[in-house]
Amino acid sequence: MPRLILAILIISMAATTPPAQAQPPTNWAKRLNPGGGPESITNLRFYFHDIPSGQNPSAVQIVKPATAGTSNNSFFGMVMMTDDALTVAADAGSKLVGRAQGMYTFASQSDLTVLMAMSFGFTDGPYNGSSLVVVGRNPILETDRELPVLGGTGRFRMARGYALVKTVSADANGNVVVYYNVTVYAPASGDDE
């Protein structure tokens, strides 16, 4: 029952949210100042596909929501584990550029705010084998959200930055596509492109 209520809330929010980008970017990752100065700035644009339904879900519930002292419609305390695809376009069949692995938990008793703890591991291009860590509060019903980038590995070692996030679509099964526009600051290294 909680999944149905969540799907209805997400669909009502998605119906009023325009797509973040109509066409997929031609270059999903761009180093803005390679090798120039003490740090590099990288901009990454991709789509996050959170699929809790079907025979091969990418998000599974690992802790049921708390109900004591809250309404039966509360998701407070529910924890989801993810292995979500990151692609260059909103279409799930578009080019895969990485995976978002981690968890999110419904952290509010009064609204649909989740606390995300994810590692975005990249599998394409110059960032293949590198990852970013995103941890923060995500009020999923807000049109535009911002999440902090707190670190990374490989080309993003000692990274910091932010992700601008927007829900692009959601369906009745709770499947959600989210657009990420990430700006990353990391120490410049001699192996930059």
N, C-alpha and C. Protein backbone atom coordinates (compact mmCIF):
# COMPACT_ATOMS: atom_id res chain seq x y z
N MET A 1 0.80 -1.20 0.00
CA MET A 1 0.00 0.00 0.00
C MET A 1 0.85 1.27 0.00
N PRO A 2 1.97 1.32 0.80
CA PRO A 2 2.77 2.55 0.78
C PRO A 2 3.31 2.87 -0.60
N ARG A 3 3.66 1.86 -1.41
CA ARG A 3 4.21 2.10 -2.74
C ARG A 3 3.18 2.79 -3.63
N LEU A 4 1.90 2.40 -3.51
CA LEU A 4 0.84 3.01 -4.30
C LEU A 4 0.67 4.48 -3.92
N ILE A 5 0.69 4.78 -2.63
CA ILE A 5 0.54 6.17 -2.19
C ILE A 5 1.73 6.99 -2.66
N LEU A 6 2.93 6.44 -2.54
CA LEU A 6 4.13 7.14 -3.02
C LEU A 6 4.03 7.39 -4.51
N ALA A 7 3.59 6.40 -5.27
CA ALA A 7 3.46 6.56 -6.73
C ALA A 7 2.47 7.67 -7.06
N ILE A 8 1.35 7.73 -6.35
CA ILE A 8 0.35 8.77 -6.60
C ILE A 8 0.93 10.15 -6.31
N LEU A 9 1.65 10.29 -5.21
CA LEU A 9 2.27 11.58 -4.88
C LEU A 9 3.31 11.98 -5.91
N ILE A 10 4.13 11.04 -6.33
CA ILE A 10 5.17 11.34 -7.30
C ILE A 10 4.57 11.69 -8.65
N ILE A 11 3.53 10.97 -9.07
CA ILE A 11 2.89 11.25 -10.35
C ILE A 11 2.26 12.64 -10.32
N SER A 12 1.63 13.02 -9.21
CA SER A 12 1.02 14.34 -9.14
C SER A 12 2.08 15.42 -9.23
N MET A 13 3.26 15.18 -8.66
CA MET A 13 4.35 16.14 -8.73
C MET A 13 4.95 16.15 -10.13
N ALA A 14 5.15 15.00 -10.74
CA ALA A 14 5.76 14.92 -12.07
C ALA A 14 4.86 15.52 -13.13
N ALA A 15 3.56 15.46 -12.94
CA ALA A 15 2.64 16.00 -13.94
C ALA A 15 2.79 17.51 -14.10
N THR A 16 3.29 18.17 -13.06
CA THR A 16 3.47 19.61 -13.14
C THR A 16 4.91 20.02 -13.40
N THR A 17 5.81 19.06 -13.49
CA THR A 17 7.22 19.35 -13.69
C THR A 17 7.60 19.13 -15.14
N PRO A 18 8.03 20.20 -15.84
CA PRO A 18 8.44 20.02 -17.23
C PRO A 18 9.73 19.23 -17.30
N PRO A 19 9.97 18.52 -18.42
CA PRO A 19 11.23 17.80 -18.56
C PRO A 19 12.40 18.76 -18.43
N ALA A 20 13.46 18.29 -17.78
CA ALA A 20 14.62 19.13 -17.55
C ALA A 20 15.36 19.43 -18.84
N GLN A 21 15.32 18.50 -19.78
CA GLN A 21 16.06 18.67 -21.02
C GLN A 21 15.40 17.81 -22.08
N ALA A 22 15.00 18.41 -23.19
CA ALA A 22 14.28 17.68 -24.22
C ALA A 22 15.20 16.76 -25.01
N GLN A 23 16.42 17.21 -25.31
CA GLN A 23 17.36 16.43 -26.09
C GLN A 23 18.51 15.98 -25.19
N PRO A 24 19.02 14.76 -25.40
CA PRO A 24 20.17 14.34 -24.59
C PRO A 24 21.38 15.19 -24.92
N PRO A 25 22.22 15.45 -23.94
CA PRO A 25 23.42 16.24 -24.21
C PRO A 25 24.35 15.50 -25.16
N THR A 26 25.06 16.25 -26.00
CA THR A 26 26.01 15.60 -26.91
C THR A 26 27.26 15.16 -26.18
N ASN A 27 27.59 15.85 -25.09
CA ASN A 27 28.75 15.49 -24.29
C ASN A 27 28.29 15.50 -22.84
N TRP A 28 28.08 14.35 -22.27
CA TRP A 28 27.50 14.26 -20.93
C TRP A 28 28.47 14.73 -19.85
N ALA A 29 29.78 14.74 -20.13
CA ALA A 29 30.77 15.18 -19.16
C ALA A 29 31.74 16.14 -19.83
N LYS A 30 32.01 17.25 -19.17
CA LYS A 30 32.89 18.24 -19.76
C LYS A 30 33.82 18.81 -18.70
N ARG A 31 35.11 18.69 -18.93
CA ARG A 31 36.12 19.30 -18.05
C ARG A 31 36.25 20.74 -18.51
N LEU A 32 36.00 21.69 -17.62
CA LEU A 32 35.95 23.09 -18.00
C LEU A 32 37.32 23.77 -18.06
N ASN A 33 38.28 23.32 -17.26
CA ASN A 33 39.62 23.89 -17.32
C ASN A 33 40.68 22.81 -17.12
N PRO A 34 40.82 21.91 -18.09
CA PRO A 34 41.76 20.79 -17.90
C PRO A 34 43.18 21.28 -17.69
N GLY A 35 43.76 20.86 -16.57
CA GLY A 35 45.15 21.17 -16.28
C GLY A 35 45.42 22.64 -16.00
N GLY A 36 44.39 23.48 -15.98
CA GLY A 36 44.61 24.91 -15.79
C GLY A 36 44.34 25.32 -14.36
N GLY A 37 45.37 25.61 -13.60
CA GLY A 37 45.19 26.08 -12.23
C GLY A 37 45.23 24.96 -11.23
N PRO A 38 45.03 25.31 -9.95
CA PRO A 38 45.17 24.33 -8.88
C PRO A 38 44.03 23.31 -8.79
N GLU A 39 42.92 23.61 -9.42
CA GLU A 39 41.83 22.62 -9.42
C GLU A 39 41.09 22.67 -10.74
N SER A 40 40.44 21.55 -11.05
CA SER A 40 39.65 21.48 -12.27
C SER A 40 38.18 21.56 -11.91
N ILE A 41 37.40 21.99 -12.87
CA ILE A 41 35.95 22.05 -12.71
C ILE A 41 35.36 21.15 -13.78
N THR A 42 34.50 20.22 -13.37
CA THR A 42 33.88 19.29 -14.30
C THR A 42 32.37 19.42 -14.18
N ASN A 43 31.69 19.43 -15.33
CA ASN A 43 30.23 19.45 -15.33
C ASN A 43 29.75 18.13 -15.92
N LEU A 44 28.89 17.43 -15.19
CA LEU A 44 28.32 16.15 -15.62
C LEU A 44 26.81 16.30 -15.70
N ARG A 45 26.23 15.80 -16.79
CA ARG A 45 24.77 15.82 -16.96
C ARG A 45 24.33 14.41 -17.31
N PHE A 46 23.41 13.87 -16.51
CA PHE A 46 22.95 12.50 -16.75
C PHE A 46 21.58 12.31 -16.11
N TYR A 47 20.97 11.17 -16.40
CA TYR A 47 19.65 10.81 -15.87
C TYR A 47 19.78 9.59 -14.98
N PHE A 48 19.11 9.66 -13.85
CA PHE A 48 19.11 8.64 -12.79
C PHE A 48 17.78 7.90 -12.90
N HIS A 49 17.82 6.57 -13.04
CA HIS A 49 16.60 5.76 -13.21
C HIS A 49 16.39 4.89 -11.97
N ASP A 50 15.44 5.29 -11.12
CA ASP A 50 15.11 4.54 -9.90
C ASP A 50 13.89 3.68 -10.20
N ILE A 51 14.09 2.36 -10.28
CA ILE A 51 13.04 1.43 -10.74
C ILE A 51 12.74 0.41 -9.63
N PRO A 52 11.71 0.67 -8.79
CA PRO A 52 11.38 -0.28 -7.72
C PRO A 52 10.40 -1.38 -8.15
N SER A 53 9.98 -1.40 -9.41
CA SER A 53 8.98 -2.39 -9.84
C SER A 53 9.57 -3.35 -10.88
N GLY A 54 8.78 -4.35 -11.22
CA GLY A 54 9.19 -5.30 -12.25
C GLY A 54 9.98 -6.46 -11.69
N GLN A 55 10.45 -7.33 -12.62
CA GLN A 55 11.16 -8.54 -12.20
C GLN A 55 12.62 -8.28 -11.82
N ASN A 56 13.18 -7.17 -12.28
CA ASN A 56 14.57 -6.85 -11.97
C ASN A 56 14.66 -5.40 -11.48
N PRO A 57 14.10 -5.12 -10.29
CA PRO A 57 14.11 -3.73 -9.81
C PRO A 57 15.52 -3.25 -9.49
N SER A 58 15.74 -1.93 -9.67
CA SER A 58 17.04 -1.36 -9.32
C SER A 58 17.01 -0.71 -7.93
N ALA A 59 15.83 -0.67 -7.32
CA ALA A 59 15.67 -0.15 -5.96
C ALA A 59 14.77 -1.10 -5.19
N VAL A 60 15.23 -1.55 -4.03
CA VAL A 60 14.44 -2.49 -3.22
C VAL A 60 14.33 -1.96 -1.79
N GLN A 61 13.17 -2.20 -1.21
CA GLN A 61 12.92 -1.79 0.17
C GLN A 61 13.65 -2.76 1.10
N ILE A 62 14.48 -2.22 2.02
CA ILE A 62 15.17 -3.09 2.97
C ILE A 62 14.69 -2.89 4.40
N VAL A 63 13.99 -1.76 4.67
CA VAL A 63 13.39 -1.52 5.97
C VAL A 63 12.00 -0.96 5.74
N LYS A 64 11.01 -1.54 6.40
CA LYS A 64 9.63 -1.06 6.27
C LYS A 64 9.47 0.28 7.00
N PRO A 65 8.48 1.10 6.58
CA PRO A 65 8.28 2.39 7.25
C PRO A 65 7.76 2.20 8.67
N ALA A 66 8.07 3.15 9.51
CA ALA A 66 7.55 3.17 10.88
C ALA A 66 6.09 3.59 10.82
N THR A 67 5.25 2.99 11.65
CA THR A 67 3.85 3.40 11.68
C THR A 67 3.41 3.84 13.07
N ALA A 68 4.17 3.49 14.11
CA ALA A 68 3.79 3.86 15.47
C ALA A 68 3.83 5.38 15.63
N GLY A 69 2.72 5.96 16.04
CA GLY A 69 2.66 7.39 16.29
C GLY A 69 2.53 8.24 15.04
N THR A 70 2.42 7.62 13.87
CA THR A 70 2.27 8.38 12.63
C THR A 70 1.05 7.84 11.89
N SER A 71 0.65 8.56 10.87
CA SER A 71 -0.48 8.10 10.08
C SER A 71 -0.06 6.87 9.27
N ASN A 72 -1.01 6.09 8.83
CA ASN A 72 -0.70 4.90 8.02
C ASN A 72 -0.12 5.25 6.67
N ASN A 73 -0.25 6.54 6.26
CA ASN A 73 0.28 6.96 4.97
C ASN A 73 1.72 7.43 5.04
N SER A 74 2.35 7.38 6.21
CA SER A 74 3.71 7.87 6.38
C SER A 74 4.72 6.86 5.85
N PHE A 75 5.76 7.39 5.20
CA PHE A 75 6.87 6.56 4.74
C PHE A 75 8.06 6.70 5.68
N PHE A 76 7.90 7.48 6.75
CA PHE A 76 8.99 7.77 7.66
C PHE A 76 9.68 6.49 8.13
N GLY A 77 10.99 6.44 7.92
CA GLY A 77 11.78 5.29 8.35
C GLY A 77 12.01 4.24 7.28
N MET A 78 11.28 4.30 6.16
CA MET A 78 11.48 3.32 5.10
C MET A 78 12.85 3.54 4.45
N VAL A 79 13.58 2.44 4.22
CA VAL A 79 14.91 2.52 3.62
C VAL A 79 14.91 1.72 2.33
N MET A 80 15.44 2.33 1.27
CA MET A 80 15.56 1.69 -0.04
C MET A 80 17.04 1.56 -0.40
N MET A 81 17.44 0.40 -0.92
CA MET A 81 18.79 0.16 -1.42
C MET A 81 18.73 0.24 -2.94
N THR A 82 19.73 0.88 -3.57
CA THR A 82 19.67 1.09 -5.01
C THR A 82 20.92 0.63 -5.74
N ASP A 83 20.70 0.27 -6.98
CA ASP A 83 21.75 0.06 -7.99
C ASP A 83 21.15 0.59 -9.29
N ASP A 84 21.00 1.93 -9.35
CA ASP A 84 20.27 2.59 -10.42
C ASP A 84 21.17 2.95 -11.60
N ALA A 85 20.63 2.83 -12.81
CA ALA A 85 21.35 3.21 -14.02
C ALA A 85 21.46 4.72 -14.13
N LEU A 86 22.61 5.18 -14.65
CA LEU A 86 22.82 6.58 -15.01
C LEU A 86 23.02 6.60 -16.52
N THR A 87 22.19 7.36 -17.23
CA THR A 87 22.23 7.37 -18.70
C THR A 87 22.35 8.79 -19.24
N VAL A 88 22.65 8.92 -20.53
CA VAL A 88 22.80 10.24 -21.15
C VAL A 88 21.47 10.89 -21.50
N ALA A 89 20.38 10.13 -21.52
CA ALA A 89 19.07 10.68 -21.85
C ALA A 89 18.02 10.08 -20.92
N ALA A 90 16.83 10.67 -20.91
CA ALA A 90 15.76 10.20 -20.04
C ALA A 90 15.27 8.81 -20.42
N ASP A 91 15.49 8.39 -21.65
CA ASP A 91 15.11 7.06 -22.11
C ASP A 91 16.03 6.03 -21.46
N ALA A 92 15.45 5.03 -20.80
CA ALA A 92 16.24 4.02 -20.11
C ALA A 92 17.15 3.24 -21.06
N GLY A 93 16.81 3.21 -22.35
CA GLY A 93 17.63 2.50 -23.32
C GLY A 93 18.78 3.32 -23.87
N SER A 94 18.93 4.57 -23.41
CA SER A 94 20.03 5.40 -23.91
C SER A 94 21.35 4.94 -23.30
N LYS A 95 22.43 5.52 -23.76
CA LYS A 95 23.78 5.11 -23.38
C LYS A 95 23.97 5.15 -21.86
N LEU A 96 24.45 4.04 -21.30
CA LEU A 96 24.75 3.92 -19.88
C LEU A 96 26.10 4.56 -19.60
N VAL A 97 26.17 5.48 -18.61
CA VAL A 97 27.43 6.12 -18.26
C VAL A 97 27.86 5.79 -16.83
N GLY A 98 27.02 5.08 -16.08
CA GLY A 98 27.40 4.71 -14.73
C GLY A 98 26.25 4.12 -13.94
N ARG A 99 26.49 3.92 -12.63
CA ARG A 99 25.48 3.37 -11.72
C ARG A 99 25.49 4.19 -10.44
N ALA A 100 24.30 4.39 -9.87
CA ALA A 100 24.15 5.03 -8.57
C ALA A 100 23.87 3.92 -7.56
N GLN A 101 24.82 3.70 -6.69
CA GLN A 101 24.69 2.62 -5.72
C GLN A 101 24.72 3.20 -4.32
N GLY A 102 23.74 2.81 -3.52
CA GLY A 102 23.65 3.33 -2.16
C GLY A 102 22.26 3.15 -1.62
N MET A 103 21.82 4.13 -0.83
CA MET A 103 20.50 4.02 -0.23
C MET A 103 19.89 5.39 -0.02
N TYR A 104 18.57 5.37 0.13
CA TYR A 104 17.85 6.56 0.58
C TYR A 104 16.81 6.12 1.57
N THR A 105 16.57 6.99 2.54
CA THR A 105 15.58 6.70 3.57
C THR A 105 14.64 7.89 3.71
N PHE A 106 13.39 7.59 3.93
CA PHE A 106 12.41 8.65 4.15
C PHE A 106 12.64 9.19 5.56
N ALA A 107 13.11 10.44 5.63
CA ALA A 107 13.65 11.00 6.86
C ALA A 107 12.74 12.05 7.50
N SER A 108 11.54 12.23 6.99
CA SER A 108 10.63 13.24 7.54
C SER A 108 9.31 12.60 7.94
N GLN A 109 8.77 13.06 9.06
CA GLN A 109 7.46 12.59 9.50
C GLN A 109 6.34 13.41 8.87
N SER A 110 6.67 14.55 8.23
CA SER A 110 5.63 15.44 7.75
C SER A 110 5.56 15.61 6.24
N ASP A 111 6.61 15.21 5.50
CA ASP A 111 6.57 15.34 4.05
C ASP A 111 7.43 14.24 3.41
N LEU A 112 7.55 14.28 2.11
CA LEU A 112 8.33 13.26 1.40
C LEU A 112 9.75 13.77 1.14
N THR A 113 10.52 13.80 2.21
CA THR A 113 11.93 14.16 2.12
C THR A 113 12.75 12.92 2.41
N VAL A 114 13.72 12.67 1.54
CA VAL A 114 14.59 11.52 1.76
C VAL A 114 16.00 11.99 2.08
N LEU A 115 16.73 11.18 2.82
CA LEU A 115 18.15 11.38 3.04
C LEU A 115 18.85 10.40 2.11
N MET A 116 19.65 10.94 1.18
CA MET A 116 20.34 10.10 0.20
C MET A 116 21.80 9.91 0.61
N ALA A 117 22.30 8.71 0.42
CA ALA A 117 23.73 8.39 0.59
C ALA A 117 24.08 7.50 -0.59
N MET A 118 24.70 8.08 -1.63
CA MET A 118 24.95 7.36 -2.88
C MET A 118 26.36 7.56 -3.38
N SER A 119 26.86 6.53 -4.03
CA SER A 119 28.10 6.63 -4.78
C SER A 119 27.74 6.50 -6.25
N PHE A 120 28.08 7.51 -7.04
CA PHE A 120 27.81 7.48 -8.48
C PHE A 120 29.10 7.01 -9.15
N GLY A 121 29.12 5.74 -9.56
CA GLY A 121 30.29 5.16 -10.20
C GLY A 121 30.17 5.27 -11.71
N PHE A 122 31.15 5.88 -12.36
CA PHE A 122 31.09 6.11 -13.80
C PHE A 122 31.80 4.99 -14.57
N THR A 123 31.21 4.62 -15.70
CA THR A 123 31.70 3.49 -16.50
C THR A 123 31.98 3.87 -17.94
N ASP A 124 32.02 5.18 -18.24
CA ASP A 124 32.17 5.62 -19.62
C ASP A 124 33.15 6.79 -19.71
N GLY A 125 33.87 6.86 -20.80
CA GLY A 125 34.72 8.00 -21.11
C GLY A 125 35.87 8.19 -20.15
N PRO A 126 36.36 9.43 -20.03
CA PRO A 126 37.54 9.69 -19.22
C PRO A 126 37.31 9.48 -17.73
N TYR A 127 36.06 9.35 -17.29
CA TYR A 127 35.76 9.18 -15.87
C TYR A 127 35.45 7.72 -15.53
N ASN A 128 35.67 6.82 -16.48
CA ASN A 128 35.48 5.39 -16.25
C ASN A 128 36.33 4.96 -15.06
N GLY A 129 35.69 4.36 -14.07
CA GLY A 129 36.39 3.91 -12.88
C GLY A 129 36.42 4.95 -11.75
N SER A 130 35.99 6.16 -12.02
CA SER A 130 35.93 7.21 -11.00
C SER A 130 34.52 7.25 -10.41
N SER A 131 34.42 7.83 -9.22
CA SER A 131 33.10 7.93 -8.60
C SER A 131 32.96 9.24 -7.84
N LEU A 132 31.72 9.61 -7.58
CA LEU A 132 31.36 10.77 -6.75
C LEU A 132 30.46 10.30 -5.63
N VAL A 133 30.57 10.93 -4.47
CA VAL A 133 29.71 10.62 -3.33
C VAL A 133 28.75 11.79 -3.13
N VAL A 134 27.45 11.47 -3.12
CA VAL A 134 26.40 12.47 -2.89
C VAL A 134 25.65 12.04 -1.64
N VAL A 135 25.64 12.91 -0.64
CA VAL A 135 24.94 12.63 0.61
C VAL A 135 24.19 13.89 1.00
N GLY A 136 22.89 13.77 1.22
CA GLY A 136 22.16 14.95 1.65
C GLY A 136 20.66 14.79 1.63
N ARG A 137 19.99 15.85 2.03
CA ARG A 137 18.54 15.94 2.12
C ARG A 137 17.97 16.19 0.73
N ASN A 138 16.95 15.42 0.34
CA ASN A 138 16.34 15.53 -0.98
C ASN A 138 14.81 15.60 -0.81
N PRO A 139 14.23 16.81 -0.80
CA PRO A 139 12.77 16.95 -0.70
C PRO A 139 12.14 16.63 -2.06
N ILE A 140 11.78 15.38 -2.30
CA ILE A 140 11.48 14.87 -3.63
C ILE A 140 10.26 15.51 -4.31
N LEU A 141 9.39 16.17 -3.57
CA LEU A 141 8.24 16.80 -4.22
C LEU A 141 8.54 18.23 -4.69
N GLU A 142 9.70 18.76 -4.32
CA GLU A 142 10.07 20.09 -4.81
C GLU A 142 10.57 19.96 -6.25
N THR A 143 10.25 20.94 -7.08
CA THR A 143 10.64 20.89 -8.49
C THR A 143 12.14 20.88 -8.66
N ASP A 144 12.83 21.82 -8.04
CA ASP A 144 14.29 21.92 -8.15
C ASP A 144 14.91 21.65 -6.79
N ARG A 145 15.91 20.77 -6.79
CA ARG A 145 16.60 20.44 -5.55
C ARG A 145 18.10 20.57 -5.74
N GLU A 146 18.82 20.67 -4.63
CA GLU A 146 20.28 20.74 -4.68
C GLU A 146 20.83 19.78 -3.64
N LEU A 147 21.80 18.97 -4.07
CA LEU A 147 22.44 18.00 -3.18
C LEU A 147 23.94 18.25 -3.17
N PRO A 148 24.61 18.03 -2.03
CA PRO A 148 26.05 18.24 -1.98
C PRO A 148 26.84 17.04 -2.51
N VAL A 149 27.94 17.33 -3.19
CA VAL A 149 28.94 16.32 -3.55
C VAL A 149 30.02 16.42 -2.49
N LEU A 150 30.27 15.30 -1.79
CA LEU A 150 31.16 15.34 -0.63
C LEU A 150 32.49 14.64 -0.83
N GLY A 151 32.72 14.08 -1.99
CA GLY A 151 34.00 13.40 -2.22
C GLY A 151 33.93 12.56 -3.47
N GLY A 152 34.97 11.79 -3.68
CA GLY A 152 35.01 10.94 -4.86
C GLY A 152 36.28 10.12 -4.91
N THR A 153 36.42 9.37 -5.99
CA THR A 153 37.60 8.55 -6.21
C THR A 153 38.09 8.76 -7.63
N GLY A 154 39.30 8.26 -7.93
CA GLY A 154 39.85 8.36 -9.27
C GLY A 154 40.05 9.81 -9.67
N ARG A 155 39.53 10.19 -10.82
CA ARG A 155 39.65 11.57 -11.33
C ARG A 155 38.96 12.58 -10.41
N PHE A 156 38.10 12.09 -9.50
CA PHE A 156 37.37 12.97 -8.59
C PHE A 156 37.85 12.86 -7.14
N ARG A 157 39.09 12.37 -6.94
CA ARG A 157 39.63 12.26 -5.60
C ARG A 157 39.63 13.64 -4.94
N MET A 158 39.16 13.71 -3.70
CA MET A 158 39.05 14.95 -2.91
C MET A 158 38.08 15.95 -3.54
N ALA A 159 37.07 15.47 -4.24
CA ALA A 159 36.09 16.35 -4.91
C ALA A 159 35.16 17.01 -3.91
N ARG A 160 34.62 18.14 -4.36
CA ARG A 160 33.53 18.80 -3.68
C ARG A 160 32.68 19.45 -4.76
N GLY A 161 31.43 19.71 -4.45
CA GLY A 161 30.58 20.33 -5.46
C GLY A 161 29.12 20.21 -5.11
N TYR A 162 28.29 20.25 -6.15
CA TYR A 162 26.85 20.20 -5.93
C TYR A 162 26.16 19.59 -7.15
N ALA A 163 24.98 19.03 -6.89
CA ALA A 163 24.15 18.46 -7.95
C ALA A 163 22.82 19.19 -7.95
N LEU A 164 22.44 19.76 -9.10
CA LEU A 164 21.11 20.34 -9.27
C LEU A 164 20.23 19.22 -9.83
N VAL A 165 19.11 18.96 -9.18
CA VAL A 165 18.32 17.75 -9.43
C VAL A 165 16.89 18.13 -9.74
N LYS A 166 16.30 17.43 -10.73
CA LYS A 166 14.91 17.69 -11.12
C LYS A 166 14.28 16.38 -11.57
N THR A 167 13.09 16.06 -11.04
CA THR A 167 12.36 14.87 -11.48
C THR A 167 11.79 15.13 -12.86
N VAL A 168 12.05 14.20 -13.78
CA VAL A 168 11.59 14.32 -15.16
C VAL A 168 10.29 13.54 -15.36
N SER A 169 10.22 12.33 -14.80
CA SER A 169 9.01 11.53 -14.96
C SER A 169 8.87 10.55 -13.81
N ALA A 170 7.63 10.13 -13.59
CA ALA A 170 7.31 9.12 -12.59
C ALA A 170 6.07 8.39 -13.05
N ASP A 171 5.96 7.11 -12.72
CA ASP A 171 4.77 6.36 -13.12
C ASP A 171 4.06 5.75 -11.92
N ALA A 172 2.95 5.09 -12.17
CA ALA A 172 2.11 4.54 -11.11
C ALA A 172 2.80 3.44 -10.31
N ASN A 173 3.87 2.85 -10.86
CA ASN A 173 4.60 1.79 -10.16
C ASN A 173 5.73 2.34 -9.28
N GLY A 174 5.88 3.67 -9.25
CA GLY A 174 6.94 4.28 -8.44
C GLY A 174 8.25 4.43 -9.18
N ASN A 175 8.30 4.08 -10.48
CA ASN A 175 9.51 4.23 -11.27
C ASN A 175 9.73 5.71 -11.57
N VAL A 176 10.93 6.21 -11.32
CA VAL A 176 11.21 7.63 -11.41
C VAL A 176 12.48 7.86 -12.23
N VAL A 177 12.46 8.90 -13.08
CA VAL A 177 13.64 9.35 -13.81
C VAL A 177 13.95 10.75 -13.33
N VAL A 178 15.21 10.97 -12.93
CA VAL A 178 15.63 12.24 -12.36
C VAL A 178 16.83 12.77 -13.14
N TYR A 179 16.78 14.05 -13.50
CA TYR A 179 17.88 14.71 -14.22
C TYR A 179 18.88 15.26 -13.21
N TYR A 180 20.16 14.99 -13.42
CA TYR A 180 21.25 15.51 -12.57
C TYR A 180 22.15 16.40 -13.41
N ASN A 181 22.42 17.59 -12.90
CA ASN A 181 23.40 18.50 -13.49
C ASN A 181 24.41 18.76 -12.37
N VAL A 182 25.59 18.13 -12.47
CA VAL A 182 26.54 18.10 -11.37
C VAL A 182 27.76 18.95 -11.70
N THR A 183 28.15 19.81 -10.78
CA THR A 183 29.38 20.59 -10.90
C THR A 183 30.33 20.10 -9.83
N VAL A 184 31.54 19.71 -10.28
CA VAL A 184 32.53 19.09 -9.39
C VAL A 184 33.83 19.89 -9.44
N TYR A 185 34.35 20.21 -8.27
CA TYR A 185 35.66 20.84 -8.13
C TYR A 185 36.60 19.79 -7.54
N ALA A 186 37.74 19.57 -8.19
CA ALA A 186 38.71 18.58 -7.69
C ALA A 186 40.11 19.09 -8.00
N PRO A 187 41.10 18.69 -7.19
CA PRO A 187 42.47 19.11 -7.49
C PRO A 187 42.87 18.69 -8.89
N ALA A 188 43.50 19.60 -9.63
CA ALA A 188 43.99 19.28 -10.97
C ALA A 188 45.14 18.29 -10.85
N SER A 189 45.22 17.37 -11.80
CA SER A 189 46.31 16.40 -11.78
C SER A 189 47.01 16.42 -13.14
N GLY A 190 48.19 15.86 -13.18
CA GLY A 190 48.97 15.83 -14.41
C GLY A 190 48.39 14.95 -15.49
N ASP A 191 47.42 14.07 -15.14
CA ASP A 191 46.86 13.15 -16.14
C ASP A 191 45.55 13.65 -16.73
N ASP A 192 45.24 14.94 -16.55
CA ASP A 192 44.02 15.49 -17.15
C ASP A 192 44.07 15.37 -18.65
N GLU A 193 42.86 15.33 -19.25
CA GLU A 193 42.75 15.19 -20.69
C GLU A 193 43.29 16.39 -21.41
